[in-house]
């Protein structure tokens, strides 16, 4: 039961992080890639590190979700 709760919590954190990355990049006018690098350096949860890699690759194309960072 504890594992299932932790998995749900991790999923929620991944979802929240993807939105926060886009919001922070938009507000700070720095690239999503920079923010992802900082999260990856400081985060011990492998699933979130994997998410930051996905978002980092996406940001190279100029978009995170529907936000444009060109």
PDB file of N, CA and C in Angstrom:
ATOM      1  N   UNK A   1       0.831  -1.195   0.000  1.00  0.00           N
ATOM      2  CA  UNK A   1       0.000   0.000   0.000  1.00  0.00           C
ATOM      3  C   UNK A   1       0.871   1.252   0.000  1.00  0.00           C
ATOM      4  N   UNK A   2       1.929   1.218   0.790  1.00  0.00           N
ATOM      5  CA  UNK A   2       2.816   2.377   0.849  1.00  0.00           C
ATOM      6  C   UNK A   2       3.439   2.661  -0.519  1.00  0.00           C
ATOM      7  N   UNK A   3       3.849   1.608  -1.214  1.00  0.00           N
ATOM      8  CA  UNK A   3       4.465   1.778  -2.527  1.00  0.00           C
ATOM      9  C   UNK A   3       3.489   2.433  -3.499  1.00  0.00           C
ATOM     10  N   UNK A   4       2.227   1.994  -3.473  1.00  0.00           N
ATOM     11  CA  UNK A   4       1.234   2.577  -4.370  1.00  0.00           C
ATOM     12  C   UNK A   4       1.074   4.066  -4.078  1.00  0.00           C
ATOM     13  N   UNK A   5       1.060   4.443  -2.794  1.00  0.00           N
ATOM     14  CA  UNK A   5       0.956   5.859  -2.424  1.00  0.00           C
ATOM     15  C   UNK A   5       2.162   6.632  -2.949  1.00  0.00           C
ATOM     16  N   UNK A   6       3.346   6.079  -2.790  1.00  0.00           N
ATOM     17  CA  UNK A   6       4.560   6.754  -3.255  1.00  0.00           C
ATOM     18  C   UNK A   6       4.562   6.907  -4.771  1.00  0.00           C
ATOM     19  N   UNK A   7       4.063   5.904  -5.479  1.00  0.00           N
ATOM     20  CA  UNK A   7       3.978   6.004  -6.937  1.00  0.00           C
ATOM     21  C   UNK A   7       3.024   7.116  -7.350  1.00  0.00           C
ATOM     22  N   UNK A   8       1.892   7.210  -6.638  1.00  0.00           N
ATOM     23  CA  UNK A   8       0.926   8.277  -6.932  1.00  0.00           C
ATOM     24  C   UNK A   8       1.531   9.634  -6.646  1.00  0.00           C
ATOM     25  N   UNK A   9       2.252   9.737  -5.555  1.00  0.00           N
ATOM     26  CA  UNK A   9       2.890  11.001  -5.187  1.00  0.00           C
ATOM     27  C   UNK A   9       3.931  11.389  -6.234  1.00  0.00           C
ATOM     28  N   UNK A  10       4.700  10.416  -6.690  1.00  0.00           N
ATOM     29  CA  UNK A  10       5.699  10.685  -7.725  1.00  0.00           C
ATOM     30  C   UNK A  10       5.034  11.169  -9.006  1.00  0.00           C
ATOM     31  N   UNK A  11       3.940  10.537  -9.401  1.00  0.00           N
ATOM     32  CA  UNK A  11       3.212  10.963 -10.599  1.00  0.00           C
ATOM     33  C   UNK A  11       2.715  12.390 -10.458  1.00  0.00           C
ATOM     34  N   UNK A  12       2.208  12.722  -9.284  1.00  0.00           N
ATOM     35  CA  UNK A  12       1.728  14.085  -9.042  1.00  0.00           C
ATOM     36  C   UNK A  12       2.879  15.078  -9.114  1.00  0.00           C
ATOM     37  N   UNK A  13       4.033  14.701  -8.582  1.00  0.00           N
ATOM     38  CA  UNK A  13       5.194  15.588  -8.619  1.00  0.00           C
ATOM     39  C   UNK A  13       5.665  15.805 -10.047  1.00  0.00           C
ATOM     40  N   UNK A  14       5.651  14.748 -10.852  1.00  0.00           N
ATOM     41  CA  UNK A  14       6.066  14.871 -12.251  1.00  0.00           C
ATOM     42  C   UNK A  14       5.134  15.817 -12.985  1.00  0.00           C
ATOM     43  N   UNK A  15       3.839  15.658 -12.771  1.00  0.00           N
ATOM     44  CA  UNK A  15       2.857  16.522 -13.426  1.00  0.00           C
ATOM     45  C   UNK A  15       3.036  17.964 -12.989  1.00  0.00           C
ATOM     46  N   UNK A  16       3.204  18.181 -11.689  1.00  0.00           N
ATOM     47  CA  UNK A  16       3.381  19.543 -11.173  1.00  0.00           C
ATOM     48  C   UNK A  16       4.658  20.159 -11.719  1.00  0.00           C
ATOM     49  N   UNK A  17       5.733  19.389 -11.771  1.00  0.00           N
ATOM     50  CA  UNK A  17       7.002  19.919 -12.268  1.00  0.00           C
ATOM     51  C   UNK A  17       6.908  20.376 -13.714  1.00  0.00           C
ATOM     52  N   UNK A  18       6.198  19.635 -14.553  1.00  0.00           N
ATOM     53  CA  UNK A  18       6.109  20.024 -15.959  1.00  0.00           C
ATOM     54  C   UNK A  18       5.426  21.372 -16.112  1.00  0.00           C
ATOM     55  N   UNK A  19       4.414  21.632 -15.279  1.00  0.00           N
ATOM     56  CA  UNK A  19       3.732  22.924 -15.342  1.00  0.00           C
ATOM     57  C   UNK A  19       4.599  24.034 -14.754  1.00  0.00           C
ATOM     58  N   UNK A  20       5.290  23.736 -13.667  1.00  0.00           N
ATOM     59  CA  UNK A  20       6.142  24.742 -13.029  1.00  0.00           C
ATOM     60  C   UNK A  20       7.318  25.127 -13.911  1.00  0.00           C
ATOM     61  N   UNK A  21       7.858  24.164 -14.631  1.00  0.00           N
ATOM     62  CA  UNK A  21       8.970  24.457 -15.541  1.00  0.00           C
ATOM     63  C   UNK A  21       8.529  25.460 -16.598  1.00  0.00           C
ATOM     64  N   UNK A  22       7.383  25.199 -17.212  1.00  0.00           N
ATOM     65  CA  UNK A  22       6.881  26.099 -18.257  1.00  0.00           C
ATOM     66  C   UNK A  22       6.589  27.480 -17.690  1.00  0.00           C
ATOM     67  N   UNK A  23       5.960  27.528 -16.517  1.00  0.00           N
ATOM     68  CA  UNK A  23       5.614  28.812 -15.903  1.00  0.00           C
ATOM     69  C   UNK A  23       6.873  29.588 -15.536  1.00  0.00           C
ATOM     70  N   UNK A  24       7.828  28.916 -14.899  1.00  0.00           N
ATOM     71  CA  UNK A  24       9.052  29.591 -14.463  1.00  0.00           C
ATOM     72  C   UNK A  24       9.862  30.091 -15.650  1.00  0.00           C
ATOM     73  N   UNK A  25       9.934  29.303 -16.702  1.00  0.00           N
ATOM     74  CA  UNK A  25      10.687  29.724 -17.884  1.00  0.00           C
ATOM     75  C   UNK A  25      10.044  30.947 -18.519  1.00  0.00           C
ATOM     76  N   UNK A  26       8.719  30.965 -18.542  1.00  0.00           N
ATOM     77  CA  UNK A  26       8.016  32.100 -19.128  1.00  0.00           C
ATOM     78  C   UNK A  26       8.244  33.364 -18.297  1.00  0.00           C
ATOM     79  N   UNK A  27       8.147  33.235 -16.972  1.00  0.00           N
ATOM     80  CA  UNK A  27       8.270  34.401 -16.095  1.00  0.00           C
ATOM     81  C   UNK A  27       9.701  34.910 -15.987  1.00  0.00           C
ATOM     82  N   UNK A  28      10.669  34.008 -16.009  1.00  0.00           N
ATOM     83  CA  UNK A  28      12.057  34.422 -15.801  1.00  0.00           C
ATOM     84  C   UNK A  28      12.774  34.750 -17.103  1.00  0.00           C
ATOM     85  N   UNK A  29      12.158  34.392 -18.218  1.00  0.00           N
ATOM     86  CA  UNK A  29      12.742  34.631 -19.540  1.00  0.00           C
ATOM     87  C   UNK A  29      14.088  33.934 -19.728  1.00  0.00           C
ATOM     88  N   UNK A  30      14.264  32.818 -19.030  1.00  0.00           N
ATOM     89  CA  UNK A  30      15.410  31.961 -19.329  1.00  0.00           C
ATOM     90  C   UNK A  30      14.858  30.687 -19.952  1.00  0.00           C
ATOM     91  N   UNK A  31      15.714  29.884 -20.508  1.00  0.00           N
ATOM     92  CA  UNK A  31      15.220  28.720 -21.244  1.00  0.00           C
ATOM     93  C   UNK A  31      14.726  27.627 -20.310  1.00  0.00           C
ATOM     94  N   UNK A  32      13.767  26.872 -20.815  1.00  0.00           N
ATOM     95  CA  UNK A  32      13.297  25.707 -20.084  1.00  0.00           C
ATOM     96  C   UNK A  32      14.427  24.730 -19.845  1.00  0.00           C
ATOM     97  N   UNK A  33      15.361  24.679 -20.757  1.00  0.00           N
ATOM     98  CA  UNK A  33      16.494  23.759 -20.617  1.00  0.00           C
ATOM     99  C   UNK A  33      17.309  24.091 -19.374  1.00  0.00           C
ATOM    100  N   UNK A  34      17.549  25.377 -19.127  1.00  0.00           N
ATOM    101  CA  UNK A  34      18.304  25.788 -17.941  1.00  0.00           C
ATOM    102  C   UNK A  34      17.593  25.354 -16.675  1.00  0.00           C
ATOM    103  N   UNK A  35      16.284  25.574 -16.627  1.00  0.00           N
ATOM    104  CA  UNK A  35      15.507  25.179 -15.449  1.00  0.00           C
ATOM    105  C   UNK A  35      15.555  23.667 -15.271  1.00  0.00           C
ATOM    106  N   UNK A  36      15.405  22.930 -16.361  1.00  0.00           N
ATOM    107  CA  UNK A  36      15.456  21.470 -16.286  1.00  0.00           C
ATOM    108  C   UNK A  36      16.800  20.983 -15.779  1.00  0.00           C
ATOM    109  N   UNK A  37      17.862  21.610 -16.220  1.00  0.00           N
ATOM    110  CA  UNK A  37      19.193  21.223 -15.750  1.00  0.00           C
ATOM    111  C   UNK A  37      19.305  21.411 -14.249  1.00  0.00           C
ATOM    112  N   UNK A  38      18.781  22.514 -13.740  1.00  0.00           N
ATOM    113  CA  UNK A  38      18.847  22.774 -12.299  1.00  0.00           C
ATOM    114  C   UNK A  38      18.021  21.768 -11.519  1.00  0.00           C
ATOM    115  N   UNK A  39      16.835  21.427 -12.036  1.00  0.00           N
ATOM    116  CA  UNK A  39      16.008  20.428 -11.361  1.00  0.00           C
ATOM    117  C   UNK A  39      16.716  19.076 -11.375  1.00  0.00           C
ATOM    118  N   UNK A  40      17.271  18.696 -12.504  1.00  0.00           N
ATOM    119  CA  UNK A  40      17.937  17.397 -12.620  1.00  0.00           C
ATOM    120  C   UNK A  40      19.128  17.301 -11.675  1.00  0.00           C
ATOM    121  N   UNK A  41      19.854  18.391 -11.513  1.00  0.00           N
ATOM    122  CA  UNK A  41      21.026  18.390 -10.630  1.00  0.00           C
ATOM    123  C   UNK A  41      20.630  18.205  -9.175  1.00  0.00           C
ATOM    124  N   UNK A  42      19.456  18.736  -8.794  1.00  0.00           N
ATOM    125  CA  UNK A  42      19.062  18.750  -7.388  1.00  0.00           C
ATOM    126  C   UNK A  42      18.032  17.702  -7.017  1.00  0.00           C
ATOM    127  N   UNK A  43      17.542  16.930  -7.981  1.00  0.00           N
ATOM    128  CA  UNK A  43      16.445  16.018  -7.696  1.00  0.00           C
ATOM    129  C   UNK A  43      16.929  14.589  -7.582  1.00  0.00           C
ATOM    130  N   UNK A  44      16.496  13.921  -6.510  1.00  0.00           N
ATOM    131  CA  UNK A  44      16.919  12.548  -6.267  1.00  0.00           C
ATOM    132  C   UNK A  44      15.918  11.528  -6.806  1.00  0.00           C
ATOM    133  N   UNK A  45      14.768  11.971  -7.306  1.00  0.00           N
ATOM    134  CA  UNK A  45      13.755  11.038  -7.790  1.00  0.00           C
ATOM    135  C   UNK A  45      14.016  10.763  -9.266  1.00  0.00           C
ATOM    136  N   UNK A  46      14.346   9.531  -9.592  1.00  0.00           N
ATOM    137  CA  UNK A  46      14.757   9.203 -10.961  1.00  0.00           C
ATOM    138  C   UNK A  46      13.670   9.514 -11.977  1.00  0.00           C
ATOM    139  N   UNK A  47      12.391   9.307 -11.609  1.00  0.00           N
ATOM    140  CA  UNK A  47      11.315   9.577 -12.553  1.00  0.00           C
ATOM    141  C   UNK A  47      11.266  11.054 -12.908  1.00  0.00           C
ATOM    142  N   UNK A  48      11.529  11.919 -11.939  1.00  0.00           N
ATOM    143  CA  UNK A  48      11.515  13.353 -12.215  1.00  0.00           C
ATOM    144  C   UNK A  48      12.738  13.725 -13.043  1.00  0.00           C
ATOM    145  N   UNK A  49      13.873  13.092 -12.779  1.00  0.00           N
ATOM    146  CA  UNK A  49      15.050  13.324 -13.623  1.00  0.00           C
ATOM    147  C   UNK A  49      14.746  12.923 -15.063  1.00  0.00           C
ATOM    148  N   UNK A  50      14.046  11.802 -15.234  1.00  0.00           N
ATOM    149  CA  UNK A  50      13.680  11.371 -16.582  1.00  0.00           C
ATOM    150  C   UNK A  50      12.755  12.378 -17.240  1.00  0.00           C
ATOM    151  N   UNK A  51      11.819  12.918 -16.486  1.00  0.00           N
ATOM    152  CA  UNK A  51      10.919  13.937 -17.028  1.00  0.00           C
ATOM    153  C   UNK A  51      11.716  15.147 -17.473  1.00  0.00           C
ATOM    154  N   UNK A  52      12.687  15.580 -16.662  1.00  0.00           N
ATOM    155  CA  UNK A  52      13.452  16.767 -17.032  1.00  0.00           C
ATOM    156  C   UNK A  52      14.225  16.512 -18.314  1.00  0.00           C
ATOM    157  N   UNK A  53      14.674  15.281 -18.533  1.00  0.00           N
ATOM    158  CA  UNK A  53      15.360  14.964 -19.795  1.00  0.00           C
ATOM    159  C   UNK A  53      14.407  15.109 -20.970  1.00  0.00           C
ATOM    160  N   UNK A  54      13.183  14.635 -20.805  1.00  0.00           N
ATOM    161  CA  UNK A  54      12.189  14.742 -21.876  1.00  0.00           C
ATOM    162  C   UNK A  54      11.886  16.205 -22.161  1.00  0.00           C
ATOM    163  N   UNK A  55      11.688  16.990 -21.118  1.00  0.00           N
ATOM    164  CA  UNK A  55      11.362  18.402 -21.306  1.00  0.00           C
ATOM    165  C   UNK A  55      12.561  19.141 -21.871  1.00  0.00           C
ATOM    166  N   UNK A  56      13.759  18.757 -21.472  1.00  0.00           N
ATOM    167  CA  UNK A  56      14.966  19.390 -21.994  1.00  0.00           C
ATOM    168  C   UNK A  56      15.055  19.174 -23.505  1.00  0.00           C
ATOM    169  N   UNK A  57      14.797  17.965 -23.955  1.00  0.00           N
ATOM    170  CA  UNK A  57      14.816  17.679 -25.388  1.00  0.00           C
ATOM    171  C   UNK A  57      13.737  18.490 -26.093  1.00  0.00           C
ATOM    172  N   UNK A  58      12.545  18.553 -25.502  1.00  0.00           N
ATOM    173  CA  UNK A  58      11.448  19.318 -26.090  1.00  0.00           C
ATOM    174  C   UNK A  58      11.814  20.788 -26.190  1.00  0.00           C
ATOM    175  N   UNK A  59      12.492  21.316 -25.156  1.00  0.00           N
ATOM    176  CA  UNK A  59      12.824  22.742 -25.148  1.00  0.00           C
ATOM    177  C   UNK A  59      13.800  23.099 -26.266  1.00  0.00           C
ATOM    178  N   UNK A  60      14.586  22.142 -26.719  1.00  0.00           N
ATOM    179  CA  UNK A  60      15.501  22.403 -27.828  1.00  0.00           C
ATOM    180  C   UNK A  60      14.737  22.716 -29.111  1.00  0.00           C
ATOM    181  N   UNK A  61      13.496  22.269 -29.176  1.00  0.00           N
ATOM    182  CA  UNK A  61      12.642  22.569 -30.320  1.00  0.00           C
ATOM    183  C   UNK A  61      11.893  23.881 -30.111  1.00  0.00           C
ATOM    184  N   UNK A  62      12.070  24.518 -28.956  1.00  0.00           N
ATOM    185  CA  UNK A  62      11.473  25.826 -28.711  1.00  0.00           C
ATOM    186  C   UNK A  62      10.160  25.797 -27.974  1.00  0.00           C
ATOM    187  N   UNK A  63       9.700  24.628 -27.563  1.00  0.00           N
ATOM    188  CA  UNK A  63       8.409  24.541 -26.892  1.00  0.00           C
ATOM    189  C   UNK A  63       8.472  23.648 -25.671  1.00  0.00           C
ATOM    190  N   UNK A  64       7.734  24.045 -24.649  1.00  0.00           N
ATOM    191  CA  UNK A  64       7.452  23.160 -23.524  1.00  0.00           C
ATOM    192  C   UNK A  64       5.939  23.204 -23.389  1.00  0.00           C
ATOM    193  N   UNK A  65       5.292  22.120 -23.663  1.00  0.00           N
ATOM    194  CA  UNK A  65       3.835  22.133 -23.690  1.00  0.00           C
ATOM    195  C   UNK A  65       3.381  23.083 -24.785  1.00  0.00           C
ATOM    196  N   UNK A  66       2.576  24.067 -24.426  1.00  0.00           N
ATOM    197  CA  UNK A  66       2.107  25.037 -25.412  1.00  0.00           C
ATOM    198  C   UNK A  66       2.852  26.358 -25.294  1.00  0.00           C
ATOM    199  N   UNK A  67       3.882  26.393 -24.461  1.00  0.00           N
ATOM    200  CA  UNK A  67       4.656  27.618 -24.267  1.00  0.00           C
ATOM    201  C   UNK A  67       5.798  27.655 -25.273  1.00  0.00           C
ATOM    202  N   UNK A  68       6.017  28.792 -25.882  1.00  0.00           N
ATOM    203  CA  UNK A  68       7.095  28.930 -26.861  1.00  0.00           C
ATOM    204  C   UNK A  68       8.246  29.707 -26.232  1.00  0.00           C
ATOM    205  N   UNK A  69       9.450  29.132 -26.275  1.00  0.00           N
ATOM    206  CA  UNK A  69      10.606  29.767 -25.644  1.00  0.00           C
ATOM    207  C   UNK A  69      11.682  30.152 -26.640  1.00  0.00           C
ATOM    208  N   UNK A  70      11.333  30.337 -27.898  1.00  0.00           N
ATOM    209  CA  UNK A  70      12.324  30.756 -28.896  1.00  0.00           C
ATOM    210  C   UNK A  70      12.778  32.174 -28.642  1.00  0.00           C
TER     211      UNK A  70
END
